[in-house]
């Protein structure tokens, strides 16, 4: 399936790329993680969106994705402290 990075993703990437790159995370890796997450959760606030989560060094990289049928659109990606506090990224 095709994975597209939205304009919103790129705007947020500019703010977060220092931390992401420091942890070895690139846009290409984010595309891979979308297709092979460690686990998936439904987005509680937006119907039709999912959180594709990848565990990286005991942290949770949350990738918010919307399924458009023929493609997956990545809305944003960030390290989620809430999921870590809930014990999902040990």
C-alpha atoms as a PDB file:
ATOM      1  CA  UNK A   1       0.000   0.000   0.000  1.00  0.00           C
ATOM      2  CA  UNK A   2       1.162   3.515  -0.764  1.00  0.00           C
ATOM      3  CA  UNK A   3       2.108   5.750   2.180  1.00  0.00           C
ATOM      4  CA  UNK A   4       1.892   9.529   1.742  1.00  0.00           C
ATOM      5  CA  UNK A   5       3.241  12.191   4.087  1.00  0.00           C
ATOM      6  CA  UNK A   6       0.819  15.112   4.364  1.00  0.00           C
ATOM      7  CA  UNK A   7       1.596  18.812   4.427  1.00  0.00           C
ATOM      8  CA  UNK A   8       0.780  18.802   8.145  1.00  0.00           C
ATOM      9  CA  UNK A   9       3.349  16.031   8.656  1.00  0.00           C
ATOM     10  CA  UNK A  10       6.057  18.121   6.978  1.00  0.00           C
ATOM     11  CA  UNK A  11       5.179  21.207   9.034  1.00  0.00           C
ATOM     12  CA  UNK A  12       5.523  19.195  12.249  1.00  0.00           C
ATOM     13  CA  UNK A  13       8.629  17.427  10.943  1.00  0.00           C
ATOM     14  CA  UNK A  14      10.416  20.773  10.718  1.00  0.00           C
ATOM     15  CA  UNK A  15       9.806  21.309  14.448  1.00  0.00           C
ATOM     16  CA  UNK A  16      10.712  17.778  15.512  1.00  0.00           C
ATOM     17  CA  UNK A  17      13.366  16.665  13.054  1.00  0.00           C
ATOM     18  CA  UNK A  18      16.254  17.370  15.440  1.00  0.00           C
ATOM     19  CA  UNK A  19      14.934  14.894  18.002  1.00  0.00           C
ATOM     20  CA  UNK A  20      13.848  12.448  15.305  1.00  0.00           C
ATOM     21  CA  UNK A  21      17.163  12.431  13.470  1.00  0.00           C
ATOM     22  CA  UNK A  22      19.036  12.160  16.783  1.00  0.00           C
ATOM     23  CA  UNK A  23      17.140   8.900  17.321  1.00  0.00           C
ATOM     24  CA  UNK A  24      17.784   7.690  13.767  1.00  0.00           C
ATOM     25  CA  UNK A  25      14.229   8.356  12.571  1.00  0.00           C
ATOM     26  CA  UNK A  26      13.865   9.531   8.961  1.00  0.00           C
ATOM     27  CA  UNK A  27      10.768  10.071   6.817  1.00  0.00           C
ATOM     28  CA  UNK A  28      11.649   6.868   4.947  1.00  0.00           C
ATOM     29  CA  UNK A  29      11.695   4.915   8.215  1.00  0.00           C
ATOM     30  CA  UNK A  30       8.362   6.420   9.210  1.00  0.00           C
ATOM     31  CA  UNK A  31       6.886   5.078   5.967  1.00  0.00           C
ATOM     32  CA  UNK A  32       8.247   1.617   6.856  1.00  0.00           C
ATOM     33  CA  UNK A  33       6.940   1.826  10.439  1.00  0.00           C
ATOM     34  CA  UNK A  34       3.450   2.657   9.147  1.00  0.00           C
ATOM     35  CA  UNK A  35       3.388  -0.640   7.270  1.00  0.00           C
ATOM     36  CA  UNK A  36       5.017  -2.662  10.077  1.00  0.00           C
ATOM     37  CA  UNK A  37       3.990  -1.160  13.443  1.00  0.00           C
ATOM     38  CA  UNK A  38       4.470  -2.938  16.766  1.00  0.00           C
ATOM     39  CA  UNK A  39       0.801  -2.300  17.533  1.00  0.00           C
ATOM     40  CA  UNK A  40      -2.163  -0.267  16.306  1.00  0.00           C
ATOM     41  CA  UNK A  41      -4.716   1.720  18.326  1.00  0.00           C
ATOM     42  CA  UNK A  42      -7.833   3.524  17.108  1.00  0.00           C
ATOM     43  CA  UNK A  43      -7.653   7.299  17.428  1.00  0.00           C
ATOM     44  CA  UNK A  44     -10.233   8.127  20.125  1.00  0.00           C
ATOM     45  CA  UNK A  45     -10.865  11.643  18.793  1.00  0.00           C
ATOM     46  CA  UNK A  46     -10.941  11.163  15.018  1.00  0.00           C
ATOM     47  CA  UNK A  47     -12.980   8.421  13.397  1.00  0.00           C
ATOM     48  CA  UNK A  48     -11.113   6.733  10.564  1.00  0.00           C
ATOM     49  CA  UNK A  49      -7.672   7.450  12.004  1.00  0.00           C
ATOM     50  CA  UNK A  50      -5.273   5.049  13.671  1.00  0.00           C
ATOM     51  CA  UNK A  51      -2.198   5.330  15.794  1.00  0.00           C
ATOM     52  CA  UNK A  52       0.497   3.089  14.357  1.00  0.00           C
ATOM     53  CA  UNK A  53       3.003   2.702  17.175  1.00  0.00           C
ATOM     54  CA  UNK A  54       6.626   1.616  16.898  1.00  0.00           C
ATOM     55  CA  UNK A  55       8.730   0.922  19.989  1.00  0.00           C
ATOM     56  CA  UNK A  56      12.129   2.580  19.767  1.00  0.00           C
ATOM     57  CA  UNK A  57      14.586   2.370  22.671  1.00  0.00           C
ATOM     58  CA  UNK A  58      11.774   1.992  25.259  1.00  0.00           C
ATOM     59  CA  UNK A  59       9.879   4.917  23.736  1.00  0.00           C
ATOM     60  CA  UNK A  60       6.681   4.949  21.674  1.00  0.00           C
ATOM     61  CA  UNK A  61       6.758   6.626  18.278  1.00  0.00           C
ATOM     62  CA  UNK A  62       3.096   7.377  17.541  1.00  0.00           C
ATOM     63  CA  UNK A  63       2.316   7.773  13.856  1.00  0.00           C
ATOM     64  CA  UNK A  64      -1.186   9.092  13.194  1.00  0.00           C
ATOM     65  CA  UNK A  65      -2.530   7.625   9.962  1.00  0.00           C
ATOM     66  CA  UNK A  66      -5.737   8.007   7.990  1.00  0.00           C
ATOM     67  CA  UNK A  67      -6.765   5.195   5.641  1.00  0.00           C
ATOM     68  CA  UNK A  68      -7.885   6.586   2.281  1.00  0.00           C
ATOM     69  CA  UNK A  69      -8.587   3.168   0.744  1.00  0.00           C
ATOM     70  CA  UNK A  70      -5.810   3.060  -1.845  1.00  0.00           C
ATOM     71  CA  UNK A  71      -3.251   4.828   0.341  1.00  0.00           C
ATOM     72  CA  UNK A  72      -2.373   5.670   3.927  1.00  0.00           C
ATOM     73  CA  UNK A  73      -1.890   9.338   4.784  1.00  0.00           C
ATOM     74  CA  UNK A  74       0.514  10.117   7.617  1.00  0.00           C
ATOM     75  CA  UNK A  75      -0.844  13.082   9.572  1.00  0.00           C
ATOM     76  CA  UNK A  76       1.936  13.381  12.161  1.00  0.00           C
ATOM     77  CA  UNK A  77       4.568  11.403  14.066  1.00  0.00           C
ATOM     78  CA  UNK A  78       5.988  12.037  17.527  1.00  0.00           C
ATOM     79  CA  UNK A  79       7.300  10.328  20.644  1.00  0.00           C
ATOM     80  CA  UNK A  80       4.298   9.793  22.918  1.00  0.00           C
ATOM     81  CA  UNK A  81       5.039  10.022  26.637  1.00  0.00           C
ATOM     82  CA  UNK A  82       1.444   9.092  27.536  1.00  0.00           C
ATOM     83  CA  UNK A  83       1.757   5.636  25.982  1.00  0.00           C
ATOM     84  CA  UNK A  84       5.031   5.139  27.819  1.00  0.00           C
ATOM     85  CA  UNK A  85       3.440   6.103  31.159  1.00  0.00           C
ATOM     86  CA  UNK A  86       0.684   3.560  30.498  1.00  0.00           C
ATOM     87  CA  UNK A  87       3.391   0.898  30.226  1.00  0.00           C
ATOM     88  CA  UNK A  88       3.041   0.214  26.527  1.00  0.00           C
ATOM     89  CA  UNK A  89       6.694   0.871  25.663  1.00  0.00           C
ATOM     90  CA  UNK A  90       8.863  -0.951  28.148  1.00  0.00           C
END
